[in-house]
């Protein structure tokens, strides 16, 4: 009798946990639905409505002083822009926002990207243009939904060889305004043969 009771409890726990996972994933909007949501440009504006209705946030030039505390109150946040802030590193709290599907860190002063980028497993668009990135951490391979990677105007010339695992999802990589020779272009394309790379036409650098 006791073993039967334990068995029923186990089944119920499994059903509950599976439902919880499905419910959590069900909160993610697709790209078109997300675009229809309001893009809030300050915590003041976002806090004027229900926190459950906040899906998109954009901050420019200056990071709010209470950013780390405030950002955690939006359980459905999927899109975050932190642009033009001269950031040399990404606030640690960003790596805990695991529902993000769009992350824009453009026009900062990043010369490296934390290995914790791999925690953002739902990320579809990663925008890193106009930084000083030299390489990508190998943990980027955990972004199994990534379809667009914007590296325009960085210093990157090579990727971790493990990035080949993203070959079926990564559709476009923007590498314009990067000094890169034809040999490296071919090497990158060989890692991701089905991915469209955007290179500057005028750049035909030699090693």
Protein backbone atom coordinates (compact mmCIF):
# COMPACT_ATOMS: atom_id res chain seq x y z
CA UNK A 1 0.00 0.00 0.00
CA UNK A 2 2.79 2.39 0.95
CA UNK A 3 4.70 1.65 -2.24
CA UNK A 4 1.55 2.32 -4.30
CA UNK A 5 1.11 5.65 -2.51
CA UNK A 6 4.72 6.61 -3.27
CA UNK A 7 4.15 5.62 -6.87
CA UNK A 8 1.11 7.88 -7.20
CA UNK A 9 2.96 10.77 -5.58
CA UNK A 10 5.85 10.30 -8.01
CA UNK A 11 3.50 10.33 -11.00
CA UNK A 12 1.74 13.46 -9.73
CA UNK A 13 5.07 15.21 -9.17
CA UNK A 14 6.16 14.33 -12.69
CA UNK A 15 2.91 15.64 -14.18
CA UNK A 16 3.19 18.85 -12.16
CA UNK A 17 6.81 19.45 -13.13
CA UNK A 18 6.07 18.75 -16.81
CA UNK A 19 3.15 21.18 -16.71
CA UNK A 20 5.33 23.80 -15.05
CA UNK A 21 7.93 23.48 -17.79
CA UNK A 22 5.27 23.70 -20.50
CA UNK A 23 3.68 26.70 -18.82
CA UNK A 24 7.03 28.45 -18.55
CA UNK A 25 7.85 27.83 -22.20
CA UNK A 26 4.35 28.86 -23.16
CA UNK A 27 5.06 32.38 -21.94
CA UNK A 28 7.57 32.95 -24.73
CA UNK A 29 6.18 34.95 -27.64
CA UNK A 30 7.34 34.40 -31.18
CA UNK A 31 9.10 37.21 -33.04
CA UNK A 32 5.97 38.70 -34.62
CA UNK A 33 4.02 38.64 -31.34
CA UNK A 34 6.94 40.21 -29.52
CA UNK A 35 7.15 43.06 -32.03
CA UNK A 36 3.55 43.94 -31.25
CA UNK A 37 4.35 44.50 -27.60
CA UNK A 38 5.22 47.98 -26.31
CA UNK A 39 8.91 48.81 -26.11
CA UNK A 40 9.41 50.61 -22.78
CA UNK A 41 12.34 53.01 -22.50
CA UNK A 42 12.45 53.55 -18.74
CA UNK A 43 11.53 51.78 -15.53
CA UNK A 44 9.24 54.68 -14.72
CA UNK A 45 7.14 54.02 -17.81
CA UNK A 46 7.24 50.26 -17.35
CA UNK A 47 6.17 50.45 -13.71
CA UNK A 48 3.07 52.41 -14.70
CA UNK A 49 1.57 49.17 -16.03
CA UNK A 50 1.42 45.59 -14.79
CA UNK A 51 4.83 43.95 -14.49
CA UNK A 52 3.35 40.87 -16.16
CA UNK A 53 2.80 42.85 -19.34
CA UNK A 54 6.45 43.92 -19.79
CA UNK A 55 8.14 42.01 -22.60
CA UNK A 56 10.47 44.64 -24.08
CA UNK A 57 12.83 47.17 -22.48
CA UNK A 58 15.32 49.56 -24.04
CA UNK A 59 17.88 51.77 -22.29
CA UNK A 60 20.33 54.08 -24.02
CA UNK A 61 23.37 56.10 -22.98
CA UNK A 62 23.07 55.53 -19.21
CA UNK A 63 22.34 52.45 -17.15
CA UNK A 64 19.77 53.13 -14.39
CA UNK A 65 21.36 53.03 -10.94
CA UNK A 66 18.82 50.51 -9.69
CA UNK A 67 19.01 48.38 -12.84
CA UNK A 68 19.96 45.09 -11.13
CA UNK A 69 17.04 45.29 -8.70
CA UNK A 70 14.40 46.63 -11.05
CA UNK A 71 15.04 44.33 -14.01
CA UNK A 72 14.19 41.23 -11.99
CA UNK A 73 10.58 42.24 -11.44
CA UNK A 74 9.51 41.46 -15.03
CA UNK A 75 8.92 37.70 -15.29
CA UNK A 76 8.10 37.75 -19.02
CA UNK A 77 10.90 40.00 -20.27
CA UNK A 78 12.10 38.72 -23.65
CA UNK A 79 13.81 41.69 -25.28
CA UNK A 80 16.48 43.91 -23.73
CA UNK A 81 18.51 46.74 -25.28
CA UNK A 82 21.49 48.24 -23.44
CA UNK A 83 23.05 50.48 -26.09
CA UNK A 84 25.50 53.33 -26.27
CA UNK A 85 26.44 53.13 -22.58
CA UNK A 86 30.20 52.65 -22.88
CA UNK A 87 29.83 49.42 -20.93
CA UNK A 88 33.09 47.49 -20.51
CA UNK A 89 31.26 44.51 -19.10
CA UNK A 90 27.69 43.29 -19.07
CA UNK A 91 25.83 43.61 -15.75
CA UNK A 92 25.80 40.15 -14.13
CA UNK A 93 22.05 40.26 -13.63
CA UNK A 94 21.54 40.09 -17.40
CA UNK A 95 22.75 36.49 -17.43
CA UNK A 96 19.89 35.51 -15.12
CA UNK A 97 17.22 36.71 -17.58
CA UNK A 98 16.78 33.30 -19.13
CA UNK A 99 13.59 34.18 -21.03
CA UNK A 100 15.41 36.65 -23.26
CA UNK A 101 15.05 35.98 -26.96
CA UNK A 102 16.60 39.32 -28.04
CA UNK A 103 19.68 40.90 -26.42
CA UNK A 104 21.14 44.10 -27.84
CA UNK A 105 24.50 45.25 -26.42
CA UNK A 106 25.51 47.41 -29.35
CA UNK A 107 27.71 50.50 -29.29
CA UNK A 108 29.50 49.78 -26.01
CA UNK A 109 33.13 49.05 -25.10
CA UNK A 110 32.99 45.32 -24.61
CA UNK A 111 36.23 43.50 -25.44
CA UNK A 112 34.99 40.12 -24.23
CA UNK A 113 31.74 38.33 -23.55
CA UNK A 114 31.13 36.32 -20.39
CA UNK A 115 30.88 32.54 -20.59
CA UNK A 116 27.48 33.03 -18.98
CA UNK A 117 26.07 34.02 -22.36
CA UNK A 118 25.39 30.30 -22.59
CA UNK A 119 22.76 30.64 -19.84
CA UNK A 120 20.44 32.55 -22.19
CA UNK A 121 19.25 29.36 -23.84
CA UNK A 122 16.22 30.93 -25.55
CA UNK A 123 18.19 33.70 -27.27
CA UNK A 124 17.35 34.12 -30.97
CA UNK A 125 18.98 37.46 -31.77
CA UNK A 126 22.29 38.61 -30.28
CA UNK A 127 23.32 42.12 -31.29
CA UNK A 128 26.91 43.08 -30.45
CA UNK A 129 27.83 45.61 -33.12
CA UNK A 130 30.25 48.49 -32.49
CA UNK A 131 32.23 46.91 -29.66
CA UNK A 132 35.82 45.66 -29.35
CA UNK A 133 35.21 41.93 -29.19
CA UNK A 134 38.17 39.81 -30.17
CA UNK A 135 36.66 36.35 -29.69
CA UNK A 136 33.43 34.59 -28.76
CA UNK A 137 33.28 32.28 -25.73
CA UNK A 138 32.73 28.63 -26.58
CA UNK A 139 29.59 28.67 -24.41
CA UNK A 140 27.79 30.42 -27.26
CA UNK A 141 27.12 26.93 -28.61
CA UNK A 142 24.44 26.52 -25.92
CA UNK A 143 22.28 29.10 -27.73
CA UNK A 144 20.46 26.43 -29.71
CA UNK A 145 17.78 28.89 -30.94
CA UNK A 146 20.19 31.59 -32.14
CA UNK A 147 19.33 32.66 -35.68
CA UNK A 148 20.96 36.12 -35.98
CA UNK A 149 24.36 37.22 -34.70
CA UNK A 150 25.43 40.83 -35.27
CA UNK A 151 29.19 41.39 -34.91
CA UNK A 152 29.39 44.40 -37.24
CA UNK A 153 32.42 46.61 -36.45
CA UNK A 154 34.24 44.42 -33.93
CA UNK A 155 37.71 42.84 -34.03
CA UNK A 156 36.71 39.20 -34.36
CA UNK A 157 38.37 37.13 -37.06
CA UNK A 158 37.60 33.59 -35.93
CA UNK A 159 35.01 31.55 -34.04
CA UNK A 160 35.36 28.59 -31.68
CA UNK A 161 35.32 25.45 -33.84
CA UNK A 162 32.50 24.06 -31.69
CA UNK A 163 30.13 26.64 -33.17
CA UNK A 164 29.39 24.14 -35.92
CA UNK A 165 26.61 22.76 -33.67
CA UNK A 166 24.61 25.92 -34.45
CA UNK A 167 24.71 25.22 -38.17
CA UNK A 168 21.04 24.29 -38.41
CA UNK A 169 19.72 27.40 -36.62
CA UNK A 170 22.19 30.25 -37.16
CA UNK A 171 20.92 31.87 -40.36
CA UNK A 172 22.84 35.16 -40.52
CA UNK A 173 26.11 36.52 -39.11
CA UNK A 174 26.89 40.18 -39.78
CA UNK A 175 30.66 40.74 -39.92
CA UNK A 176 30.80 43.92 -41.93
CA UNK A 177 33.34 46.63 -41.07
CA UNK A 178 35.78 44.01 -39.78
CA UNK A 179 39.29 43.74 -41.21
CA UNK A 180 39.38 40.15 -42.34
CA UNK A 181 41.14 38.37 -45.19
CA UNK A 182 39.65 36.00 -47.72
CA UNK A 183 41.31 33.00 -46.09
CA UNK A 184 39.60 33.72 -42.77
CA UNK A 185 36.30 34.34 -44.52
CA UNK A 186 36.52 30.90 -46.08
CA UNK A 187 37.45 29.37 -42.74
CA UNK A 188 34.43 30.91 -41.03
CA UNK A 189 32.15 29.83 -43.83
CA UNK A 190 33.49 26.28 -43.58
CA UNK A 191 32.48 26.16 -39.92
CA UNK A 192 28.92 27.22 -40.78
CA UNK A 193 28.34 26.30 -44.42
CA UNK A 194 24.57 26.93 -44.28
CA UNK A 195 24.91 30.33 -42.59
CA UNK A 196 24.84 33.59 -44.53
CA UNK A 197 27.84 35.76 -43.63
CA UNK A 198 27.76 39.48 -44.39
CA UNK A 199 31.23 40.83 -45.12
CA UNK A 200 32.23 44.31 -46.24
CA UNK A 201 32.74 44.22 -50.01
CA UNK A 202 35.63 46.64 -49.91
CA UNK A 203 37.65 44.61 -47.41
CA UNK A 204 39.98 42.27 -49.28
CA UNK A 205 42.77 42.17 -46.73
CA UNK A 206 45.78 39.85 -46.98
CA UNK A 207 47.50 38.01 -44.13
